[in-house]
N, C-alpha and C. Protein backbone atom coordinates (compact mmCIF):
# COMPACT_ATOMS: atom_id res chain seq x y z
N UNK A 1 115.99 69.12 145.87
CA UNK A 1 115.16 69.96 146.87
C UNK A 1 115.62 69.78 148.17
N UNK A 2 115.70 70.60 149.06
CA UNK A 2 116.01 70.27 150.34
C UNK A 2 114.58 70.10 151.10
N UNK A 3 114.47 69.45 152.34
CA UNK A 3 113.20 69.06 152.77
C UNK A 3 112.44 70.46 153.27
N UNK A 4 113.46 71.20 154.00
CA UNK A 4 112.88 72.49 154.66
C UNK A 4 112.46 73.56 153.53
N UNK A 5 112.81 73.52 152.18
CA UNK A 5 112.41 74.56 151.46
C UNK A 5 111.38 74.01 150.56
N UNK A 6 111.07 72.82 150.42
CA UNK A 6 110.22 72.12 149.62
C UNK A 6 108.64 72.84 150.24
N UNK A 7 107.53 72.99 149.09
CA UNK A 7 106.43 73.30 149.33
C UNK A 7 105.74 72.04 148.96
N UNK A 8 104.57 71.50 149.97
CA UNK A 8 103.86 70.27 149.38
C UNK A 8 102.44 70.94 149.24
N UNK A 9 101.86 70.46 148.14
CA UNK A 9 100.39 70.70 147.66
C UNK A 9 99.81 70.04 146.89
N UNK A 10 98.28 69.91 147.13
CA UNK A 10 97.80 68.86 146.13
C UNK A 10 97.01 69.34 144.97
N UNK A 11 97.30 68.82 143.78
CA UNK A 11 96.64 69.45 142.67
C UNK A 11 95.81 68.31 141.89
N UNK A 12 95.05 68.60 140.86
CA UNK A 12 94.30 67.95 140.13
C UNK A 12 94.78 67.71 138.75
N UNK A 13 94.83 66.17 138.15
CA UNK A 13 95.40 66.10 136.99
C UNK A 13 94.24 66.45 135.88
N UNK A 14 94.94 67.30 134.98
CA UNK A 14 94.17 68.08 133.84
C UNK A 14 94.66 67.41 132.77
N UNK A 15 95.76 66.73 132.72
CA UNK A 15 96.48 66.23 131.30
C UNK A 15 97.69 65.30 131.71
N UNK A 16 97.31 63.93 131.14
CA UNK A 16 98.68 63.27 131.18
C UNK A 16 99.63 63.21 129.89
N UNK A 17 100.81 63.44 130.17
CA UNK A 17 101.74 63.56 129.16
C UNK A 17 102.71 62.33 129.08
N UNK A 18 103.50 61.93 128.18
CA UNK A 18 104.30 60.92 128.15
C UNK A 18 105.33 60.95 129.13
N UNK A 19 105.79 59.75 129.58
CA UNK A 19 107.21 59.38 130.26
C UNK A 19 106.80 59.87 131.71
N UNK A 20 105.61 59.71 132.29
CA UNK A 20 105.45 60.20 133.96
C UNK A 20 105.54 61.63 134.13
N UNK A 21 104.98 62.53 132.98
CA UNK A 21 104.80 63.99 133.11
C UNK A 21 103.32 64.08 133.04
N UNK A 22 102.70 65.08 133.95
CA UNK A 22 101.42 65.55 134.11
C UNK A 22 101.18 67.14 134.11
N UNK A 23 100.12 67.50 133.55
CA UNK A 23 99.66 68.90 134.01
C UNK A 23 98.77 68.88 135.13
N UNK A 24 99.13 69.80 136.13
CA UNK A 24 97.99 69.59 137.41
C UNK A 24 97.54 71.15 137.62
N UNK A 25 96.32 71.12 137.92
CA UNK A 25 95.80 72.46 138.52
C UNK A 25 95.84 72.64 139.98
N UNK A 26 96.29 73.61 140.37
CA UNK A 26 96.66 73.80 141.95
C UNK A 26 95.05 74.55 142.35
N UNK A 27 94.86 74.44 143.57
CA UNK A 27 93.69 75.23 144.20
C UNK A 27 94.01 76.69 144.04
N UNK A 28 94.94 77.05 143.73
CA UNK A 28 95.01 78.75 143.62
C UNK A 28 94.81 79.07 142.19
N UNK A 29 94.68 77.92 141.21
CA UNK A 29 94.28 78.29 139.82
C UNK A 29 95.37 78.09 138.99
N UNK A 30 96.66 77.94 139.46
CA UNK A 30 97.81 77.85 138.66
C UNK A 30 97.94 76.50 137.98
N UNK A 31 98.38 76.27 136.82
CA UNK A 31 98.67 74.99 136.41
C UNK A 31 100.34 74.78 136.20
N UNK A 32 100.70 73.47 136.85
CA UNK A 32 102.01 73.33 136.79
C UNK A 32 102.39 71.92 136.02
N UNK A 33 103.64 71.58 135.72
CA UNK A 33 104.35 70.37 135.02
C UNK A 33 104.96 69.79 136.21
N UNK A 34 104.31 68.59 136.47
CA UNK A 34 104.97 67.67 137.53
C UNK A 34 105.39 66.51 137.03
N UNK A 35 106.62 66.18 137.30
CA UNK A 35 107.44 64.79 137.15
C UNK A 35 107.18 63.87 138.06
N UNK A 36 107.41 62.39 137.76
CA UNK A 36 107.31 61.28 138.49
C UNK A 36 108.49 60.78 138.78
N UNK A 37 109.20 60.68 140.00
CA UNK A 37 110.22 59.67 140.19
C UNK A 37 110.18 58.21 139.78
N UNK A 38 111.17 57.69 139.65
CA UNK A 38 111.28 56.31 139.09
C UNK A 38 110.52 55.11 140.17
N UNK A 39 110.81 55.50 141.50
CA UNK A 39 110.17 54.73 142.34
C UNK A 39 108.64 54.95 142.42
N UNK A 40 108.01 55.76 141.75
CA UNK A 40 106.47 56.09 141.91
C UNK A 40 105.84 55.74 140.29
N UNK A 41 106.95 55.31 139.56
CA UNK A 41 106.24 55.47 138.16
C UNK A 41 105.19 54.30 137.98
N UNK A 42 105.45 53.26 138.62
CA UNK A 42 104.13 51.97 138.56
C UNK A 42 103.05 52.59 139.31
N UNK A 43 103.13 53.17 140.38
CA UNK A 43 102.03 53.72 141.17
C UNK A 43 101.21 54.64 140.30
N UNK A 44 101.75 55.45 139.44
CA UNK A 44 101.14 56.79 138.62
C UNK A 44 100.78 56.29 137.39
N UNK A 45 101.19 55.01 136.89
CA UNK A 45 100.56 54.50 135.51
C UNK A 45 99.30 54.35 135.59
N UNK A 46 98.56 54.21 136.37
CA UNK A 46 97.08 54.18 136.39
C UNK A 46 96.42 55.56 136.54
N UNK A 47 96.89 56.47 136.84
CA UNK A 47 96.47 57.95 136.92
C UNK A 47 95.73 58.44 135.68
N UNK A 48 94.53 59.13 135.89
CA UNK A 48 93.78 59.70 134.93
C UNK A 48 93.22 60.96 135.22
N UNK A 49 92.66 61.62 134.36
CA UNK A 49 92.28 63.32 134.44
C UNK A 49 91.35 63.04 135.54
N UNK A 50 91.58 64.12 136.40
CA UNK A 50 90.71 64.20 137.41
C UNK A 50 91.17 63.56 138.96
N UNK A 51 92.19 62.75 138.96
CA UNK A 51 92.55 62.27 140.11
C UNK A 51 93.47 63.33 140.86
N UNK A 52 93.67 63.16 142.05
CA UNK A 52 94.45 64.05 142.95
C UNK A 52 95.94 63.60 143.07
N UNK A 53 96.84 64.55 142.99
CA UNK A 53 98.35 64.21 143.19
C UNK A 53 98.87 65.03 144.31
N UNK A 54 99.47 64.87 145.28
CA UNK A 54 100.28 65.47 146.21
C UNK A 54 101.64 65.87 145.56
N UNK A 55 102.12 66.93 145.35
CA UNK A 55 103.37 67.43 144.74
C UNK A 55 104.40 68.13 145.49
N UNK A 56 105.57 68.09 145.47
CA UNK A 56 106.43 68.92 146.10
C UNK A 56 107.10 70.07 145.17
N UNK A 57 107.21 71.23 145.63
CA UNK A 57 107.62 72.33 144.75
C UNK A 57 108.80 73.07 145.53
N UNK A 58 109.58 73.69 144.70
CA UNK A 58 110.58 74.40 145.33
C UNK A 58 110.37 75.88 145.23
N UNK A 59 110.52 76.80 146.11
CA UNK A 59 109.97 78.17 145.94
C UNK A 59 110.64 78.81 144.96
N UNK A 60 111.49 78.42 144.32
CA UNK A 60 112.34 79.09 143.20
C UNK A 60 111.58 78.98 142.10
N UNK A 61 111.27 77.91 141.69
CA UNK A 61 110.26 77.77 140.43
C UNK A 61 109.37 77.00 140.66
N UNK A 62 108.13 77.90 140.66
CA UNK A 62 106.65 77.38 141.04
C UNK A 62 105.89 76.97 140.04
N UNK A 63 106.53 76.80 138.63
CA UNK A 63 105.70 76.13 137.56
C UNK A 63 106.15 74.79 137.31
N UNK A 64 106.91 74.28 138.42
CA UNK A 64 107.10 72.71 138.20
C UNK A 64 107.31 72.03 139.45
N UNK A 65 107.02 70.72 139.38
CA UNK A 65 106.97 70.04 140.74
C UNK A 65 107.38 68.54 140.56
N UNK A 66 107.50 67.85 141.80
CA UNK A 66 107.50 66.39 141.69
C UNK A 66 106.54 65.58 142.34
N UNK A 67 106.02 64.58 141.80
CA UNK A 67 105.03 63.74 142.38
C UNK A 67 105.41 63.05 143.71
N UNK A 68 104.88 63.33 144.69
CA UNK A 68 104.92 62.77 145.86
C UNK A 68 104.11 61.26 146.26
N UNK A 69 102.82 61.54 145.79
CA UNK A 69 101.89 60.51 145.86
C UNK A 69 100.74 60.81 145.12
N UNK A 70 99.93 59.60 144.87
CA UNK A 70 98.66 59.67 143.70
C UNK A 70 97.64 59.37 144.83
N UNK A 71 96.54 60.08 145.04
CA UNK A 71 95.44 59.95 145.82
C UNK A 71 94.23 59.91 144.91
N UNK A 72 94.05 58.65 144.52
CA UNK A 72 92.71 58.24 143.77
C UNK A 72 91.51 58.53 144.20
N UNK A 73 90.62 58.89 143.35
CA UNK A 73 89.29 59.56 143.92
C UNK A 73 88.60 58.15 144.06
């Protein structure tokens, strides 16, 4: 993703999946699938349902995103 094209948004974890994948609910009501880059895998290992995550999305596919950070409650 190019930096100028990326959309950053915060979502709430609704489901943890295997291998660093999460379902997130966005403020607009949509649910997306977010994957975790390898450098953040250790940080998000403790993520639970209800935690907030900041994700980067491309405007071309608004159903997927990449985790940028975990914001524990």
